[in-house]
């Protein structure tokens, strides 16, 4: 068997893992992964998908399934089962949804924190932990350099504190030193130097 043919065979066998890894990477916030990390993730997700597929098959049919995947890996002359690959791809999509929910809602981190195994929040940085908090809805952004305060409801924010981008709505802009109201706008996009801002959260919005 030529190398190119063997590579195509591996690509087909681990297509479920590639699909799962792609979905998880697309719908979660994380540090940029290298090509090597993506390959390893695809390999792990692929193995998990096949394991879950075989377990489901046994539970439904109450008998063992012929494992084409392992035979195809061990024996280069063995044919692959396209029906099996398609079925495992469906399983991999379901697993991708589960893994994405776990990552986005930090379910595994919350469990480990309750068990006192870790103190990590699962967010990329403190910015993500703070901005994703359910207690953060209306904020005051103090722009120290420009002597301004932006008061508004948090609508969107950047994934990482590296860029410090914030979108506010129902915004009041004040002078920082005198608290004088300058103007009001419906939406305000901010892209600020992270070292020159202070973000505060109060219990309720000040009414003018």
C-alpha atoms as a PDB file:
ATOM      1  CA  UNK A   1       0.000   0.000   0.000  1.00  0.00           C
ATOM      2  CA  UNK A   2       1.453   3.379  -0.981  1.00  0.00           C
ATOM      3  CA  UNK A   3       1.888   6.171   1.526  1.00  0.00           C
ATOM      4  CA  UNK A   4      -0.688   8.407  -0.152  1.00  0.00           C
ATOM      5  CA  UNK A   5      -3.293   5.635  -0.102  1.00  0.00           C
ATOM      6  CA  UNK A   6      -2.545   4.910   3.546  1.00  0.00           C
ATOM      7  CA  UNK A   7      -2.868   8.639   4.393  1.00  0.00           C
ATOM      8  CA  UNK A   8      -6.270   8.780   2.696  1.00  0.00           C
ATOM      9  CA  UNK A   9      -7.338   5.700   4.645  1.00  0.00           C
ATOM     10  CA  UNK A  10      -6.295   7.286   7.947  1.00  0.00           C
ATOM     11  CA  UNK A  11      -8.067  10.503   6.980  1.00  0.00           C
ATOM     12  CA  UNK A  12     -11.306   8.598   6.394  1.00  0.00           C
ATOM     13  CA  UNK A  13     -10.963   6.539   9.583  1.00  0.00           C
ATOM     14  CA  UNK A  14     -10.405   9.627  11.721  1.00  0.00           C
ATOM     15  CA  UNK A  15     -12.933  11.810   9.895  1.00  0.00           C
ATOM     16  CA  UNK A  16     -15.276  11.613  12.936  1.00  0.00           C
ATOM     17  CA  UNK A  17     -12.509  12.988  15.169  1.00  0.00           C
ATOM     18  CA  UNK A  18     -11.731  15.776  12.696  1.00  0.00           C
ATOM     19  CA  UNK A  19     -15.417  16.769  12.578  1.00  0.00           C
ATOM     20  CA  UNK A  20     -15.707  16.725  16.367  1.00  0.00           C
ATOM     21  CA  UNK A  21     -12.527  18.743  16.844  1.00  0.00           C
ATOM     22  CA  UNK A  22     -13.586  21.302  14.229  1.00  0.00           C
ATOM     23  CA  UNK A  23     -16.990  21.866  15.866  1.00  0.00           C
ATOM     24  CA  UNK A  24     -15.517  22.222  19.354  1.00  0.00           C
ATOM     25  CA  UNK A  25     -12.824  24.635  18.124  1.00  0.00           C
ATOM     26  CA  UNK A  26     -15.356  26.736  16.202  1.00  0.00           C
ATOM     27  CA  UNK A  27     -17.925  27.188  18.965  1.00  0.00           C
ATOM     28  CA  UNK A  28     -15.653  27.631  21.997  1.00  0.00           C
ATOM     29  CA  UNK A  29     -13.270  30.361  23.124  1.00  0.00           C
ATOM     30  CA  UNK A  30      -9.732  29.154  23.659  1.00  0.00           C
ATOM     31  CA  UNK A  31      -6.121  30.012  23.022  1.00  0.00           C
ATOM     32  CA  UNK A  32      -5.013  29.497  19.437  1.00  0.00           C
ATOM     33  CA  UNK A  33      -4.147  25.860  18.867  1.00  0.00           C
ATOM     34  CA  UNK A  34      -1.256  24.621  16.764  1.00  0.00           C
ATOM     35  CA  UNK A  35      -1.722  22.187  13.908  1.00  0.00           C
ATOM     36  CA  UNK A  36      -0.169  19.468  16.076  1.00  0.00           C
ATOM     37  CA  UNK A  37      -2.681  20.118  18.874  1.00  0.00           C
ATOM     38  CA  UNK A  38      -5.565  19.927  16.394  1.00  0.00           C
ATOM     39  CA  UNK A  39      -4.284  16.570  15.118  1.00  0.00           C
ATOM     40  CA  UNK A  40      -3.952  15.181  18.661  1.00  0.00           C
ATOM     41  CA  UNK A  41      -7.442  16.431  19.561  1.00  0.00           C
ATOM     42  CA  UNK A  42      -8.861  14.876  16.397  1.00  0.00           C
ATOM     43  CA  UNK A  43      -7.187  11.576  17.261  1.00  0.00           C
ATOM     44  CA  UNK A  44      -8.582  11.565  20.810  1.00  0.00           C
ATOM     45  CA  UNK A  45     -12.074  12.678  19.749  1.00  0.00           C
ATOM     46  CA  UNK A  46     -12.016  10.040  17.009  1.00  0.00           C
ATOM     47  CA  UNK A  47     -11.180   7.221  19.427  1.00  0.00           C
ATOM     48  CA  UNK A  48     -13.884   8.413  21.834  1.00  0.00           C
ATOM     49  CA  UNK A  49     -16.426   8.525  19.016  1.00  0.00           C
ATOM     50  CA  UNK A  50     -15.679   4.933  17.993  1.00  0.00           C
ATOM     51  CA  UNK A  51     -15.822   3.733  21.616  1.00  0.00           C
ATOM     52  CA  UNK A  52     -19.191   5.415  22.179  1.00  0.00           C
ATOM     53  CA  UNK A  53     -20.481   4.040  18.864  1.00  0.00           C
ATOM     54  CA  UNK A  54     -19.571   0.457  19.796  1.00  0.00           C
ATOM     55  CA  UNK A  55     -21.097   0.820  23.277  1.00  0.00           C
ATOM     56  CA  UNK A  56     -24.341   2.153  21.780  1.00  0.00           C
ATOM     57  CA  UNK A  57     -24.390  -0.701  19.239  1.00  0.00           C
ATOM     58  CA  UNK A  58     -23.965  -3.302  21.972  1.00  0.00           C
ATOM     59  CA  UNK A  59     -26.676  -1.740  24.148  1.00  0.00           C
ATOM     60  CA  UNK A  60     -29.168  -1.578  21.286  1.00  0.00           C
ATOM     61  CA  UNK A  61     -28.460  -4.929  19.630  1.00  0.00           C
ATOM     62  CA  UNK A  62     -27.297  -6.832  22.738  1.00  0.00           C
ATOM     63  CA  UNK A  63     -24.395  -8.283  20.795  1.00  0.00           C
ATOM     64  CA  UNK A  64     -20.884  -7.303  19.827  1.00  0.00           C
ATOM     65  CA  UNK A  65     -20.278  -5.411  16.603  1.00  0.00           C
ATOM     66  CA  UNK A  66     -17.583  -6.258  14.090  1.00  0.00           C
ATOM     67  CA  UNK A  67     -14.906  -3.645  14.644  1.00  0.00           C
ATOM     68  CA  UNK A  68     -13.826  -2.561  11.167  1.00  0.00           C
ATOM     69  CA  UNK A  69     -11.925   0.445  12.534  1.00  0.00           C
ATOM     70  CA  UNK A  70      -9.346  -1.520  14.548  1.00  0.00           C
ATOM     71  CA  UNK A  71      -8.939  -4.146  11.857  1.00  0.00           C
ATOM     72  CA  UNK A  72      -8.328  -1.454   9.244  1.00  0.00           C
ATOM     73  CA  UNK A  73      -5.643   0.147  11.447  1.00  0.00           C
ATOM     74  CA  UNK A  74      -3.872  -3.119  12.194  1.00  0.00           C
ATOM     75  CA  UNK A  75      -4.182  -4.721   8.778  1.00  0.00           C
ATOM     76  CA  UNK A  76      -3.230  -2.453   5.882  1.00  0.00           C
ATOM     77  CA  UNK A  77      -4.983  -4.785   3.443  1.00  0.00           C
ATOM     78  CA  UNK A  78      -8.279  -4.710   5.303  1.00  0.00           C
ATOM     79  CA  UNK A  79     -11.099  -2.668   3.816  1.00  0.00           C
ATOM     80  CA  UNK A  80     -12.765   0.152   5.731  1.00  0.00           C
ATOM     81  CA  UNK A  81     -16.495   0.287   6.384  1.00  0.00           C
ATOM     82  CA  UNK A  82     -18.024   3.470   5.015  1.00  0.00           C
ATOM     83  CA  UNK A  83     -21.282   2.690   6.789  1.00  0.00           C
ATOM     84  CA  UNK A  84     -19.419   2.509  10.082  1.00  0.00           C
ATOM     85  CA  UNK A  85     -17.584   5.786   9.421  1.00  0.00           C
ATOM     86  CA  UNK A  86     -20.851   7.605   8.633  1.00  0.00           C
ATOM     87  CA  UNK A  87     -22.470   6.232  11.815  1.00  0.00           C
ATOM     88  CA  UNK A  88     -19.479   7.254  13.925  1.00  0.00           C
ATOM     89  CA  UNK A  89     -19.541  10.730  12.328  1.00  0.00           C
ATOM     90  CA  UNK A  90     -23.087  11.156  13.627  1.00  0.00           C
ATOM     91  CA  UNK A  91     -21.910  10.092  17.083  1.00  0.00           C
ATOM     92  CA  UNK A  92     -18.986  12.530  16.867  1.00  0.00           C
ATOM     93  CA  UNK A  93     -21.346  15.441  16.142  1.00  0.00           C
ATOM     94  CA  UNK A  94     -23.376  14.570  19.246  1.00  0.00           C
ATOM     95  CA  UNK A  95     -20.187  14.371  21.315  1.00  0.00           C
ATOM     96  CA  UNK A  96     -19.036  17.717  19.886  1.00  0.00           C
ATOM     97  CA  UNK A  97     -22.248  19.359  21.109  1.00  0.00           C
ATOM     98  CA  UNK A  98     -21.725  17.852  24.587  1.00  0.00           C
ATOM     99  CA  UNK A  99     -18.064  18.909  24.745  1.00  0.00           C
ATOM    100  CA  UNK A 100     -18.942  22.410  23.505  1.00  0.00           C
ATOM    101  CA  UNK A 101     -21.596  22.837  26.217  1.00  0.00           C
ATOM    102  CA  UNK A 102     -19.179  21.541  28.860  1.00  0.00           C
ATOM    103  CA  UNK A 103     -16.528  24.015  27.728  1.00  0.00           C
ATOM    104  CA  UNK A 104     -18.792  27.054  27.347  1.00  0.00           C
ATOM    105  CA  UNK A 105     -20.599  26.535  30.653  1.00  0.00           C
ATOM    106  CA  UNK A 106     -17.426  25.294  32.423  1.00  0.00           C
ATOM    107  CA  UNK A 107     -19.318  22.268  33.763  1.00  0.00           C
ATOM    108  CA  UNK A 108     -16.188  20.184  34.333  1.00  0.00           C
ATOM    109  CA  UNK A 109     -14.388  23.088  36.036  1.00  0.00           C
ATOM    110  CA  UNK A 110     -17.386  23.767  38.286  1.00  0.00           C
ATOM    111  CA  UNK A 111     -17.482  20.098  39.283  1.00  0.00           C
ATOM    112  CA  UNK A 112     -13.757  20.010  40.027  1.00  0.00           C
ATOM    113  CA  UNK A 113     -14.034  23.261  42.017  1.00  0.00           C
ATOM    114  CA  UNK A 114     -16.829  21.790  44.141  1.00  0.00           C
ATOM    115  CA  UNK A 115     -14.672  18.720  44.737  1.00  0.00           C
ATOM    116  CA  UNK A 116     -11.814  21.119  45.675  1.00  0.00           C
ATOM    117  CA  UNK A 117      -9.577  19.590  43.026  1.00  0.00           C
ATOM    118  CA  UNK A 118      -8.835  22.929  41.356  1.00  0.00           C
ATOM    119  CA  UNK A 119      -9.395  26.655  41.797  1.00  0.00           C
ATOM    120  CA  UNK A 120      -9.262  27.425  38.089  1.00  0.00           C
ATOM    121  CA  UNK A 121     -12.361  28.950  36.477  1.00  0.00           C
ATOM    122  CA  UNK A 122     -11.724  27.565  32.999  1.00  0.00           C
ATOM    123  CA  UNK A 123     -11.675  30.990  31.342  1.00  0.00           C
ATOM    124  CA  UNK A 124      -8.736  32.151  29.249  1.00  0.00           C
ATOM    125  CA  UNK A 125      -8.035  35.019  31.674  1.00  0.00           C
ATOM    126  CA  UNK A 126      -9.616  37.036  34.507  1.00  0.00           C
ATOM    127  CA  UNK A 127     -11.248  39.267  31.884  1.00  0.00           C
ATOM    128  CA  UNK A 128     -13.318  36.338  30.641  1.00  0.00           C
ATOM    129  CA  UNK A 129     -14.146  35.211  34.179  1.00  0.00           C
ATOM    130  CA  UNK A 130     -15.288  38.715  35.156  1.00  0.00           C
ATOM    131  CA  UNK A 131     -17.227  39.626  32.011  1.00  0.00           C
ATOM    132  CA  UNK A 132     -19.017  36.254  31.887  1.00  0.00           C
ATOM    133  CA  UNK A 133     -20.194  36.554  35.485  1.00  0.00           C
ATOM    134  CA  UNK A 134     -24.021  36.576  35.832  1.00  0.00           C
ATOM    135  CA  UNK A 135     -23.633  39.542  38.225  1.00  0.00           C
ATOM    136  CA  UNK A 136     -22.142  41.725  35.497  1.00  0.00           C
ATOM    137  CA  UNK A 137     -24.850  43.506  33.501  1.00  0.00           C
ATOM    138  CA  UNK A 138     -24.477  47.264  34.000  1.00  0.00           C
ATOM    139  CA  UNK A 139     -20.924  48.559  34.258  1.00  0.00           C
ATOM    140  CA  UNK A 140     -18.982  51.799  34.598  1.00  0.00           C
ATOM    141  CA  UNK A 141     -15.850  52.023  32.485  1.00  0.00           C
ATOM    142  CA  UNK A 142     -13.467  54.686  33.745  1.00  0.00           C
ATOM    143  CA  UNK A 143     -11.190  55.952  30.987  1.00  0.00           C
ATOM    144  CA  UNK A 144      -8.488  57.521  33.127  1.00  0.00           C
ATOM    145  CA  UNK A 145      -6.447  58.944  30.244  1.00  0.00           C
ATOM    146  CA  UNK A 146      -9.395  60.828  28.695  1.00  0.00           C
ATOM    147  CA  UNK A 147     -11.099  61.704  32.009  1.00  0.00           C
ATOM    148  CA  UNK A 148     -14.345  59.954  31.013  1.00  0.00           C
ATOM    149  CA  UNK A 149     -16.803  57.471  32.498  1.00  0.00           C
ATOM    150  CA  UNK A 150     -18.977  55.274  30.313  1.00  0.00           C
ATOM    151  CA  UNK A 151     -22.063  53.953  32.118  1.00  0.00           C
ATOM    152  CA  UNK A 152     -24.084  51.348  30.270  1.00  0.00           C
ATOM    153  CA  UNK A 153     -25.433  47.834  30.004  1.00  0.00           C
ATOM    154  CA  UNK A 154     -22.922  45.280  28.771  1.00  0.00           C
ATOM    155  CA  UNK A 155     -23.954  44.013  25.335  1.00  0.00           C
ATOM    156  CA  UNK A 156     -20.776  42.313  24.047  1.00  0.00           C
ATOM    157  CA  UNK A 157     -17.074  42.078  24.766  1.00  0.00           C
ATOM    158  CA  UNK A 158     -13.905  40.643  23.267  1.00  0.00           C
ATOM    159  CA  UNK A 159     -12.916  37.057  24.052  1.00  0.00           C
ATOM    160  CA  UNK A 160      -9.637  38.112  25.625  1.00  0.00           C
ATOM    161  CA  UNK A 161      -8.419  41.100  27.636  1.00  0.00           C
ATOM    162  CA  UNK A 162      -5.670  41.488  25.044  1.00  0.00           C
ATOM    163  CA  UNK A 163      -7.937  43.711  22.931  1.00  0.00           C
ATOM    164  CA  UNK A 164     -10.278  45.048  25.666  1.00  0.00           C
ATOM    165  CA  UNK A 165     -13.197  45.695  23.321  1.00  0.00           C
ATOM    166  CA  UNK A 166     -16.592  46.471  24.869  1.00  0.00           C
ATOM    167  CA  UNK A 167     -20.010  47.229  23.401  1.00  0.00           C
ATOM    168  CA  UNK A 168     -22.415  49.083  25.720  1.00  0.00           C
ATOM    169  CA  UNK A 169     -26.033  50.107  25.205  1.00  0.00           C
ATOM    170  CA  UNK A 170     -28.169  52.774  26.886  1.00  0.00           C
ATOM    171  CA  UNK A 171     -24.968  54.668  27.633  1.00  0.00           C
ATOM    172  CA  UNK A 172     -24.364  57.792  29.700  1.00  0.00           C
ATOM    173  CA  UNK A 173     -20.969  59.480  29.361  1.00  0.00           C
ATOM    174  CA  UNK A 174     -19.636  61.574  32.262  1.00  0.00           C
ATOM    175  CA  UNK A 175     -16.494  63.461  33.155  1.00  0.00           C
ATOM    176  CA  UNK A 176     -14.505  61.298  35.510  1.00  0.00           C
ATOM    177  CA  UNK A 177     -13.347  64.048  37.884  1.00  0.00           C
ATOM    178  CA  UNK A 178     -16.623  65.988  38.235  1.00  0.00           C
ATOM    179  CA  UNK A 179     -19.242  63.346  37.308  1.00  0.00           C
ATOM    180  CA  UNK A 180     -20.777  65.919  34.912  1.00  0.00           C
ATOM    181  CA  UNK A 181     -23.098  64.310  32.355  1.00  0.00           C
ATOM    182  CA  UNK A 182     -21.800  65.025  28.834  1.00  0.00           C
ATOM    183  CA  UNK A 183     -24.177  63.072  26.582  1.00  0.00           C
ATOM    184  CA  UNK A 184     -26.248  59.940  26.143  1.00  0.00           C
ATOM    185  CA  UNK A 185     -26.195  57.437  23.279  1.00  0.00           C
ATOM    186  CA  UNK A 186     -28.009  54.199  22.527  1.00  0.00           C
ATOM    187  CA  UNK A 187     -24.837  52.206  21.764  1.00  0.00           C
ATOM    188  CA  UNK A 188     -21.148  52.844  22.404  1.00  0.00           C
ATOM    189  CA  UNK A 189     -18.261  50.735  21.124  1.00  0.00           C
ATOM    190  CA  UNK A 190     -15.045  51.010  23.147  1.00  0.00           C
ATOM    191  CA  UNK A 191     -11.569  49.791  22.261  1.00  0.00           C
ATOM    192  CA  UNK A 192      -9.347  50.975  25.086  1.00  0.00           C
ATOM    193  CA  UNK A 193      -5.850  50.572  26.448  1.00  0.00           C
ATOM    194  CA  UNK A 194      -6.304  47.916  29.133  1.00  0.00           C
ATOM    195  CA  UNK A 195      -3.711  49.547  31.389  1.00  0.00           C
ATOM    196  CA  UNK A 196      -5.642  52.855  31.470  1.00  0.00           C
ATOM    197  CA  UNK A 197      -9.172  51.736  32.308  1.00  0.00           C
ATOM    198  CA  UNK A 198     -11.052  50.673  35.429  1.00  0.00           C
ATOM    199  CA  UNK A 199     -14.286  48.684  35.199  1.00  0.00           C
ATOM    200  CA  UNK A 200     -16.763  48.852  38.064  1.00  0.00           C
ATOM    201  CA  UNK A 201     -20.009  46.996  38.700  1.00  0.00           C
ATOM    202  CA  UNK A 202     -22.722  48.487  40.883  1.00  0.00           C
ATOM    203  CA  UNK A 203     -26.029  47.010  41.975  1.00  0.00           C
ATOM    204  CA  UNK A 204     -28.218  49.286  39.881  1.00  0.00           C
ATOM    205  CA  UNK A 205     -27.957  52.035  37.285  1.00  0.00           C
ATOM    206  CA  UNK A 206     -27.859  55.611  38.478  1.00  0.00           C
ATOM    207  CA  UNK A 207     -30.903  57.527  37.235  1.00  0.00           C
ATOM    208  CA  UNK A 208     -30.535  61.116  36.175  1.00  0.00           C
END
